[in-house]
PDB file of N, CA and C in Angstrom:
ATOM      1  N   MET A   1      99.794 100.751 106.244  1.00  0.00           N
ATOM      2  CA  MET A   1     100.037  99.526 106.974  1.00  0.00           C
ATOM      3  C   MET A   1      98.958  99.391 108.042  1.00  0.00           C
ATOM      4  N   SER A   2      98.144  98.365 107.943  1.00  0.00           N
ATOM      5  CA  SER A   2      97.090  98.157 108.925  1.00  0.00           C
ATOM      6  C   SER A   2      97.360  96.856 109.676  1.00  0.00           C
ATOM      7  N   ILE A   3      97.754  96.999 110.892  1.00  0.00           N
ATOM      8  CA  ILE A   3      98.044  95.840 111.731  1.00  0.00           C
ATOM      9  C   ILE A   3      96.755  95.425 112.414  1.00  0.00           C
ATOM     10  N   ILE A   4      96.468  94.115 112.362  1.00  0.00           N
ATOM     11  CA  ILE A   4      95.247  93.611 112.981  1.00  0.00           C
ATOM     12  C   ILE A   4      95.612  92.751 114.176  1.00  0.00           C
ATOM     13  N   GLU A   5      94.657  92.597 115.065  1.00  0.00           N
ATOM     14  CA  GLU A   5      94.848  91.776 116.252  1.00  0.00           C
ATOM     15  C   GLU A   5      93.979  90.527 116.124  1.00  0.00           C
ATOM     16  N   THR A   6      94.577  89.365 116.374  1.00  0.00           N
ATOM     17  CA  THR A   6      93.862  88.102 116.239  1.00  0.00           C
ATOM     18  C   THR A   6      93.084  87.801 117.513  1.00  0.00           C
ATOM     19  N   ASN A   7      92.376  86.678 117.507  1.00  0.00           N
ATOM     20  CA  ASN A   7      91.608  86.263 118.682  1.00  0.00           C
ATOM     21  C   ASN A   7      92.510  86.006 119.885  1.00  0.00           C
ATOM     22  N   PHE A   8      93.742  85.588 119.636  1.00  0.00           N
ATOM     23  CA  PHE A   8      94.661  85.254 120.719  1.00  0.00           C
ATOM     24  C   PHE A   8      95.432  86.462 121.217  1.00  0.00           C
ATOM     25  N   GLY A   9      95.215  87.611 120.624  1.00  0.00           N
ATOM     26  CA  GLY A   9      95.860  88.836 121.066  1.00  0.00           C
ATOM     27  C   GLY A   9      97.137  89.164 120.315  1.00  0.00           C
ATOM     28  N   THR A  10      97.571  88.305 119.425  1.00  0.00           N
ATOM     29  CA  THR A  10      98.779  88.608 118.664  1.00  0.00           C
ATOM     30  C   THR A  10      98.452  89.594 117.549  1.00  0.00           C
ATOM     31  N   ARG A  11      99.413  90.402 117.229  1.00  0.00           N
ATOM     32  CA  ARG A  11      99.225  91.399 116.185  1.00  0.00           C
ATOM     33  C   ARG A  11     100.022  90.990 114.961  1.00  0.00           C
ATOM     34  N   LEU A  12      99.429  91.201 113.794  1.00  0.00           N
ATOM     35  CA  LEU A  12     100.132  90.872 112.566  1.00  0.00           C
ATOM     36  C   LEU A  12      99.755  91.830 111.466  1.00  0.00           C
ATOM     37  N   ASP A  13     100.669  91.949 110.514  1.00  0.00           N
ATOM     38  CA  ASP A  13     100.448  92.779 109.345  1.00  0.00           C
ATOM     39  C   ASP A  13     100.082  91.860 108.183  1.00  0.00           C
ATOM     40  N   PRO A  14      98.838  91.877 107.716  1.00  0.00           N
ATOM     41  CA  PRO A  14      98.405  90.960 106.657  1.00  0.00           C
ATOM     42  C   PRO A  14      99.217  91.084 105.369  1.00  0.00           C
ATOM     43  N   HIS A  15      99.693  92.279 105.065  1.00  0.00           N
ATOM     44  CA  HIS A  15     100.469  92.455 103.838  1.00  0.00           C
ATOM     45  C   HIS A  15     101.797  91.709 103.927  1.00  0.00           C
ATOM     46  N   ARG A  16     102.453  91.784 105.067  1.00  0.00           N
ATOM     47  CA  ARG A  16     103.722  91.075 105.236  1.00  0.00           C
ATOM     48  C   ARG A  16     103.528  89.569 105.285  1.00  0.00           C
ATOM     49  N   VAL A  17     102.439  89.131 105.878  1.00  0.00           N
ATOM     50  CA  VAL A  17     102.147  87.695 105.897  1.00  0.00           C
ATOM     51  C   VAL A  17     101.929  87.198 104.473  1.00  0.00           C
ATOM     52  N   ALA A  18     101.190  87.964 103.679  1.00  0.00           N
ATOM     53  CA  ALA A  18     100.933  87.572 102.294  1.00  0.00           C
ATOM     54  C   ALA A  18     102.214  87.601 101.462  1.00  0.00           C
ATOM     55  N   LEU A  19     103.061  88.606 101.680  1.00  0.00           N
ATOM     56  CA  LEU A  19     104.329  88.660 100.954  1.00  0.00           C
ATOM     57  C   LEU A  19     105.226  87.484 101.310  1.00  0.00           C
ATOM     58  N   GLY A  20     105.194  87.056 102.559  1.00  0.00           N
ATOM     59  CA  GLY A  20     105.995  85.919 102.983  1.00  0.00           C
ATOM     60  C   GLY A  20     105.495  84.602 102.428  1.00  0.00           C
ATOM     61  N   SER A  21     104.269  84.578 101.958  1.00  0.00           N
ATOM     62  CA  SER A  21     103.702  83.349 101.410  1.00  0.00           C
ATOM     63  C   SER A  21     103.942  83.192  99.911  1.00  0.00           C
ATOM     64  N   ALA A  22     104.512  84.191  99.281  1.00  0.00           N
ATOM     65  CA  ALA A  22     104.752  84.145  97.835  1.00  0.00           C
ATOM     66  C   ALA A  22     106.251  84.176  97.555  1.00  0.00           C
ATOM     67  N   THR A  23     106.664  83.392  96.568  1.00  0.00           N
ATOM     68  CA  THR A  23     108.060  83.419  96.159  1.00  0.00           C
ATOM     69  C   THR A  23     108.262  84.488  95.095  1.00  0.00           C
ATOM     70  N   ASN A  24     109.506  84.792  94.819  1.00  0.00           N
ATOM     71  CA  ASN A  24     109.823  85.743  93.763  1.00  0.00           C
ATOM     72  C   ASN A  24     109.607  85.087  92.405  1.00  0.00           C
ATOM     73  N   VAL A  25     109.466  85.921  91.385  1.00  0.00           N
ATOM     74  CA  VAL A  25     109.311  85.423  90.025  1.00  0.00           C
ATOM     75  C   VAL A  25     110.696  85.016  89.516  1.00  0.00           C
ATOM     76  N   THR A  26     110.812  83.747  89.111  1.00  0.00           N
ATOM     77  CA  THR A  26     112.080  83.250  88.582  1.00  0.00           C
ATOM     78  C   THR A  26     111.851  82.678  87.189  1.00  0.00           C
ATOM     79  N   LYS A  27     112.923  82.649  86.407  1.00  0.00           N
ATOM     80  CA  LYS A  27     112.829  82.101  85.051  1.00  0.00           C
ATOM     81  C   LYS A  27     113.249  80.637  85.091  1.00  0.00           C
ATOM     82  N   GLN A  28     112.344  79.774  84.635  1.00  0.00           N
ATOM     83  CA  GLN A  28     112.633  78.348  84.536  1.00  0.00           C
ATOM     84  C   GLN A  28     112.351  77.919  83.100  1.00  0.00           C
ATOM     85  N   GLY A  29     113.409  77.736  82.348  1.00  0.00           N
ATOM     86  CA  GLY A  29     113.239  77.394  80.939  1.00  0.00           C
ATOM     87  C   GLY A  29     112.651  78.568  80.177  1.00  0.00           C
ATOM     88  N   ALA A  30     111.530  78.339  79.524  1.00  0.00           N
ATOM     89  CA  ALA A  30     110.874  79.397  78.754  1.00  0.00           C
ATOM     90  C   ALA A  30     109.822  80.143  79.564  1.00  0.00           C
ATOM     91  N   PHE A  31     109.641  79.770  80.837  1.00  0.00           N
ATOM     92  CA  PHE A  31     108.556  80.335  81.632  1.00  0.00           C
ATOM     93  C   PHE A  31     109.067  81.108  82.840  1.00  0.00           C
ATOM     94  N   TYR A  32     108.238  82.038  83.288  1.00  0.00           N
ATOM     95  CA  TYR A  32     108.476  82.764  84.529  1.00  0.00           C
ATOM     96  C   TYR A  32     107.537  82.175  85.574  1.00  0.00           C
ATOM     97  N   VAL A  33     108.096  81.705  86.676  1.00  0.00           N
ATOM     98  CA  VAL A  33     107.357  80.889  87.633  1.00  0.00           C
ATOM     99  C   VAL A  33     107.420  81.525  89.015  1.00  0.00           C
ATOM    100  N   PHE A  34     106.306  81.442  89.745  1.00  0.00           N
ATOM    101  CA  PHE A  34     106.282  81.762  91.170  1.00  0.00           C
ATOM    102  C   PHE A  34     105.280  80.841  91.838  1.00  0.00           C
ATOM    103  N   SER A  35     105.439  80.650  93.140  1.00  0.00           N
ATOM    104  CA  SER A  35     104.496  79.809  93.875  1.00  0.00           C
ATOM    105  C   SER A  35     103.914  80.602  95.032  1.00  0.00           C
ATOM    106  N   LEU A  36     102.758  80.171  95.465  1.00  0.00           N
ATOM    107  CA  LEU A  36     102.005  80.856  96.508  1.00  0.00           C
ATOM    108  C   LEU A  36     101.505  79.816  97.497  1.00  0.00           C
ATOM    109  N   ARG A  37     101.843  80.006  98.775  1.00  0.00           N
ATOM    110  CA  ARG A  37     101.361  79.095  99.808  1.00  0.00           C
ATOM    111  C   ARG A  37     100.033  79.639 100.333  1.00  0.00           C
ATOM    112  N   VAL A  38      98.942  78.989  99.917  1.00  0.00           N
ATOM    113  CA  VAL A  38      97.603  79.432 100.284  1.00  0.00           C
ATOM    114  C   VAL A  38      97.259  78.943 101.692  1.00  0.00           C
ATOM    115  N   ASP A  39      97.641  77.712 101.987  1.00  0.00           N
ATOM    116  CA  ASP A  39      97.400  77.108 103.289  1.00  0.00           C
ATOM    117  C   ASP A  39      98.642  76.288 103.642  1.00  0.00           C
ATOM    118  N   THR A  40      98.655  75.672 104.806  1.00  0.00           N
ATOM    119  CA  THR A  40      99.850  74.932 105.211  1.00  0.00           C
ATOM    120  C   THR A  40     100.174  73.794 104.267  1.00  0.00           C
ATOM    121  N   ASP A  41      99.179  73.163 103.705  1.00  0.00           N
ATOM    122  CA  ASP A  41      99.413  72.042 102.795  1.00  0.00           C
ATOM    123  C   ASP A  41      98.960  72.335 101.365  1.00  0.00           C
ATOM    124  N   ASP A  42      98.715  73.581 101.042  1.00  0.00           N
ATOM    125  CA  ASP A  42      98.246  73.968  99.713  1.00  0.00           C
ATOM    126  C   ASP A  42      99.200  74.993  99.100  1.00  0.00           C
ATOM    127  N   VAL A  43     100.116  74.504  98.269  1.00  0.00           N
ATOM    128  CA  VAL A  43     101.063  75.369  97.572  1.00  0.00           C
ATOM    129  C   VAL A  43     100.710  75.340  96.093  1.00  0.00           C
ATOM    130  N   ARG A  44     100.486  76.502  95.531  1.00  0.00           N
ATOM    131  CA  ARG A  44     100.108  76.584  94.117  1.00  0.00           C
ATOM    132  C   ARG A  44     101.233  77.253  93.332  1.00  0.00           C
ATOM    133  N   GLU A  45     101.534  76.682  92.195  1.00  0.00           N
ATOM    134  CA  GLU A  45     102.595  77.210  91.354  1.00  0.00           C
ATOM    135  C   GLU A  45     101.988  77.769  90.068  1.00  0.00           C
ATOM    136  N   TYR A  46     102.407  78.962  89.711  1.00  0.00           N
ATOM    137  CA  TYR A  46     101.895  79.640  88.522  1.00  0.00           C
ATOM    138  C   TYR A  46     103.039  79.884  87.566  1.00  0.00           C
ATOM    139  N   SER A  47     102.789  79.717  86.272  1.00  0.00           N
ATOM    140  CA  SER A  47     103.824  79.961  85.271  1.00  0.00           C
ATOM    141  C   SER A  47     103.241  80.796  84.135  1.00  0.00           C
ATOM    142  N   PHE A  48     104.066  81.714  83.645  1.00  0.00           N
ATOM    143  CA  PHE A  48     103.671  82.622  82.566  1.00  0.00           C
ATOM    144  C   PHE A  48     104.812  82.721  81.575  1.00  0.00           C
ATOM    145  N   SER A  49     104.482  82.990  80.330  1.00  0.00           N
ATOM    146  CA  SER A  49     105.517  83.152  79.320  1.00  0.00           C
ATOM    147  C   SER A  49     106.043  84.585  79.262  1.00  0.00           C
ATOM    148  N   ASN A  50     105.349  85.512  79.914  1.00  0.00           N
ATOM    149  CA  ASN A  50     105.733  86.920  79.923  1.00  0.00           C
ATOM    150  C   ASN A  50     106.011  87.341  81.367  1.00  0.00           C
ATOM    151  N   ARG A  51     107.157  87.959  81.612  1.00  0.00           N
ATOM    152  CA  ARG A  51     107.523  88.339  82.977  1.00  0.00           C
ATOM    153  C   ARG A  51     106.591  89.409  83.541  1.00  0.00           C
ATOM    154  N   ASP A  52     106.184  90.353  82.724  1.00  0.00           N
ATOM    155  CA  ASP A  52     105.293  91.419  83.196  1.00  0.00           C
ATOM    156  C   ASP A  52     103.956  90.852  83.673  1.00  0.00           C
ATOM    157  N   ARG A  53     103.440  89.873  82.941  1.00  0.00           N
ATOM    158  CA  ARG A  53     102.189  89.232  83.366  1.00  0.00           C
ATOM    159  C   ARG A  53     102.382  88.466  84.668  1.00  0.00           C
ATOM    160  N   ALA A  54     103.515  87.815  84.813  1.00  0.00           N
ATOM    161  CA  ALA A  54     103.790  87.056  86.037  1.00  0.00           C
ATOM    162  C   ALA A  54     103.866  87.985  87.241  1.00  0.00           C
ATOM    163  N   VAL A  55     104.552  89.099  87.098  1.00  0.00           N
ATOM    164  CA  VAL A  55     104.676  90.057  88.205  1.00  0.00           C
ATOM    165  C   VAL A  55     103.319  90.661  88.537  1.00  0.00           C
ATOM    166  N   ALA A  56     102.540  91.002  87.520  1.00  0.00           N
ATOM    167  CA  ALA A  56     101.215  91.585  87.749  1.00  0.00           C
ATOM    168  C   ALA A  56     100.297  90.583  88.450  1.00  0.00           C
ATOM    169  N   MET A  57     100.305  89.336  88.009  1.00  0.00           N
ATOM    170  CA  MET A  57      99.449  88.321  88.633  1.00  0.00           C
ATOM    171  C   MET A  57      99.911  88.015  90.049  1.00  0.00           C
ATOM    172  N   ARG A  58     101.210  88.028  90.281  1.00  0.00           N
ATOM    173  CA  ARG A  58     101.727  87.808  91.635  1.00  0.00           C
ATOM    174  C   ARG A  58     101.211  88.900  92.579  1.00  0.00           C
ATOM    175  N   ASN A  59     101.225  90.145  92.119  1.00  0.00           N
ATOM    176  CA  ASN A  59     100.721  91.246  92.948  1.00  0.00           C
ATOM    177  C   ASN A  59      99.228  91.105  93.221  1.00  0.00           C
ATOM    178  N   VAL A  60      98.472  90.689  92.219  1.00  0.00           N
ATOM    179  CA  VAL A  60      97.026  90.498  92.397  1.00  0.00           C
ATOM    180  C   VAL A  60      96.768  89.378  93.407  1.00  0.00           C
ATOM    181  N   LEU A  61      97.479  88.261  93.265  1.00  0.00           N
ATOM    182  CA  LEU A  61      97.266  87.134  94.171  1.00  0.00           C
ATOM    183  C   LEU A  61      97.723  87.445  95.584  1.00  0.00           C
ATOM    184  N   ILE A  62      98.760  88.264  95.733  1.00  0.00           N
ATOM    185  CA  ILE A  62      99.192  88.690  97.071  1.00  0.00           C
ATOM    186  C   ILE A  62      98.105  89.535  97.719  1.00  0.00           C
ATOM    187  N   SER A  63      97.465  90.400  96.956  1.00  0.00           N
ATOM    188  CA  SER A  63      96.389  91.219  97.531  1.00  0.00           C
ATOM    189  C   SER A  63      95.191  90.356  97.921  1.00  0.00           C
ATOM    190  N   HIS A  64      94.885  89.322  97.118  1.00  0.00           N
ATOM    191  CA  HIS A  64      93.804  88.411  97.483  1.00  0.00           C
ATOM    192  C   HIS A  64      94.142  87.631  98.752  1.00  0.00           C
ATOM    193  N   LEU A  65      95.390  87.197  98.849  1.00  0.00           N
ATOM    194  CA  LEU A  65      95.825  86.462 100.032  1.00  0.00           C
ATOM    195  C   LEU A  65      95.818  87.357 101.262  1.00  0.00           C
ATOM    196  N   GLU A  66      96.147  88.620 101.075  1.00  0.00           N
ATOM    197  CA  GLU A  66      96.100  89.584 102.185  1.00  0.00           C
ATOM    198  C   GLU A  66      94.671  89.732 102.709  1.00  0.00           C
ATOM    199  N   LYS A  67      93.701  89.799 101.808  1.00  0.00           N
ATOM    200  CA  LYS A  67      92.298  89.887 102.231  1.00  0.00           C
ATOM    201  C   LYS A  67      91.861  88.624 102.951  1.00  0.00           C
ATOM    202  N   LYS A  68      92.345  87.472 102.487  1.00  0.00           N
ATOM    203  CA  LYS A  68      92.021  86.196 103.125  1.00  0.00           C
ATOM    204  C   LYS A  68      92.580  86.143 104.536  1.00  0.00           C
ATOM    205  N   VAL A  69      93.826  86.572 104.711  1.00  0.00           N
ATOM    206  CA  VAL A  69      94.450  86.598 106.038  1.00  0.00           C
ATOM    207  C   VAL A  69      93.700  87.547 106.947  1.00  0.00           C
ATOM    208  N   ARG A  70      93.326  88.705 106.422  1.00  0.00           N
ATOM    209  CA  ARG A  70      92.588  89.686 107.217  1.00  0.00           C
ATOM    210  C   ARG A  70      91.229  89.132 107.658  1.00  0.00           C
ATOM    211  N   PHE A  71      90.547  88.412 106.755  1.00  0.00           N
ATOM    212  CA  PHE A  71      89.236  87.849 107.077  1.00  0.00           C
ATOM    213  C   PHE A  71      89.341  86.716 108.095  1.00  0.00           C
ATOM    214  N   GLU A  72      90.328  85.838 107.930  1.00  0.00           N
ATOM    215  CA  GLU A  72      90.451  84.680 108.818  1.00  0.00           C
ATOM    216  C   GLU A  72      90.937  85.041 110.216  1.00  0.00           C
ATOM    217  N   ASN A  73      91.693  86.113 110.340  1.00  0.00           N
ATOM    218  CA  ASN A  73      92.310  86.439 111.630  1.00  0.00           C
ATOM    219  C   ASN A  73      91.716  87.655 112.315  1.00  0.00           C
ATOM    220  N   ARG A  74      90.588  88.113 111.852  1.00  0.00           N
ATOM    221  CA  ARG A  74      90.003  89.267 112.514  1.00  0.00           C
ATOM    222  C   ARG A  74      89.392  88.865 113.853  1.00  0.00           C
ATOM    223  N   LYS A  75      89.280  89.829 114.731  1.00  0.00           N
ATOM    224  CA  LYS A  75      88.690  89.585 116.051  1.00  0.00           C
ATOM    225  C   LYS A  75      87.191  89.469 115.914  1.00  0.00           C
ATOM    226  N   ARG A  76      86.653  88.433 116.459  1.00  0.00           N
ATOM    227  CA  ARG A  76      85.203  88.251 116.419  1.00  0.00           C
ATOM    228  C   ARG A  76      84.641  88.530 117.806  1.00  0.00           C
ATOM    229  N   ALA A  77      83.540  89.231 117.863  1.00  0.00           N
ATOM    230  CA  ALA A  77      82.945  89.597 119.153  1.00  0.00           C
ATOM    231  C   ALA A  77      82.161  88.446 119.752  1.00  0.00           C
TER     232      ALA A  77
END
């Protein structure tokens, strides 16, 4: 767990922020669906026919979002 400090002095855990931005994988009809909030007005929905692929892709996208949060909120000198 690596907690970072933002420019304003607040501390946050990028992994928890990324997890909070993704929904759980749910079954809707023939597909397994989850959504990811990339930005305040950018919500992306992903659907897969295989649950294992959906869970794997959700984990990959959460890690990408974690890196994005870490990059955007790092302290700049």
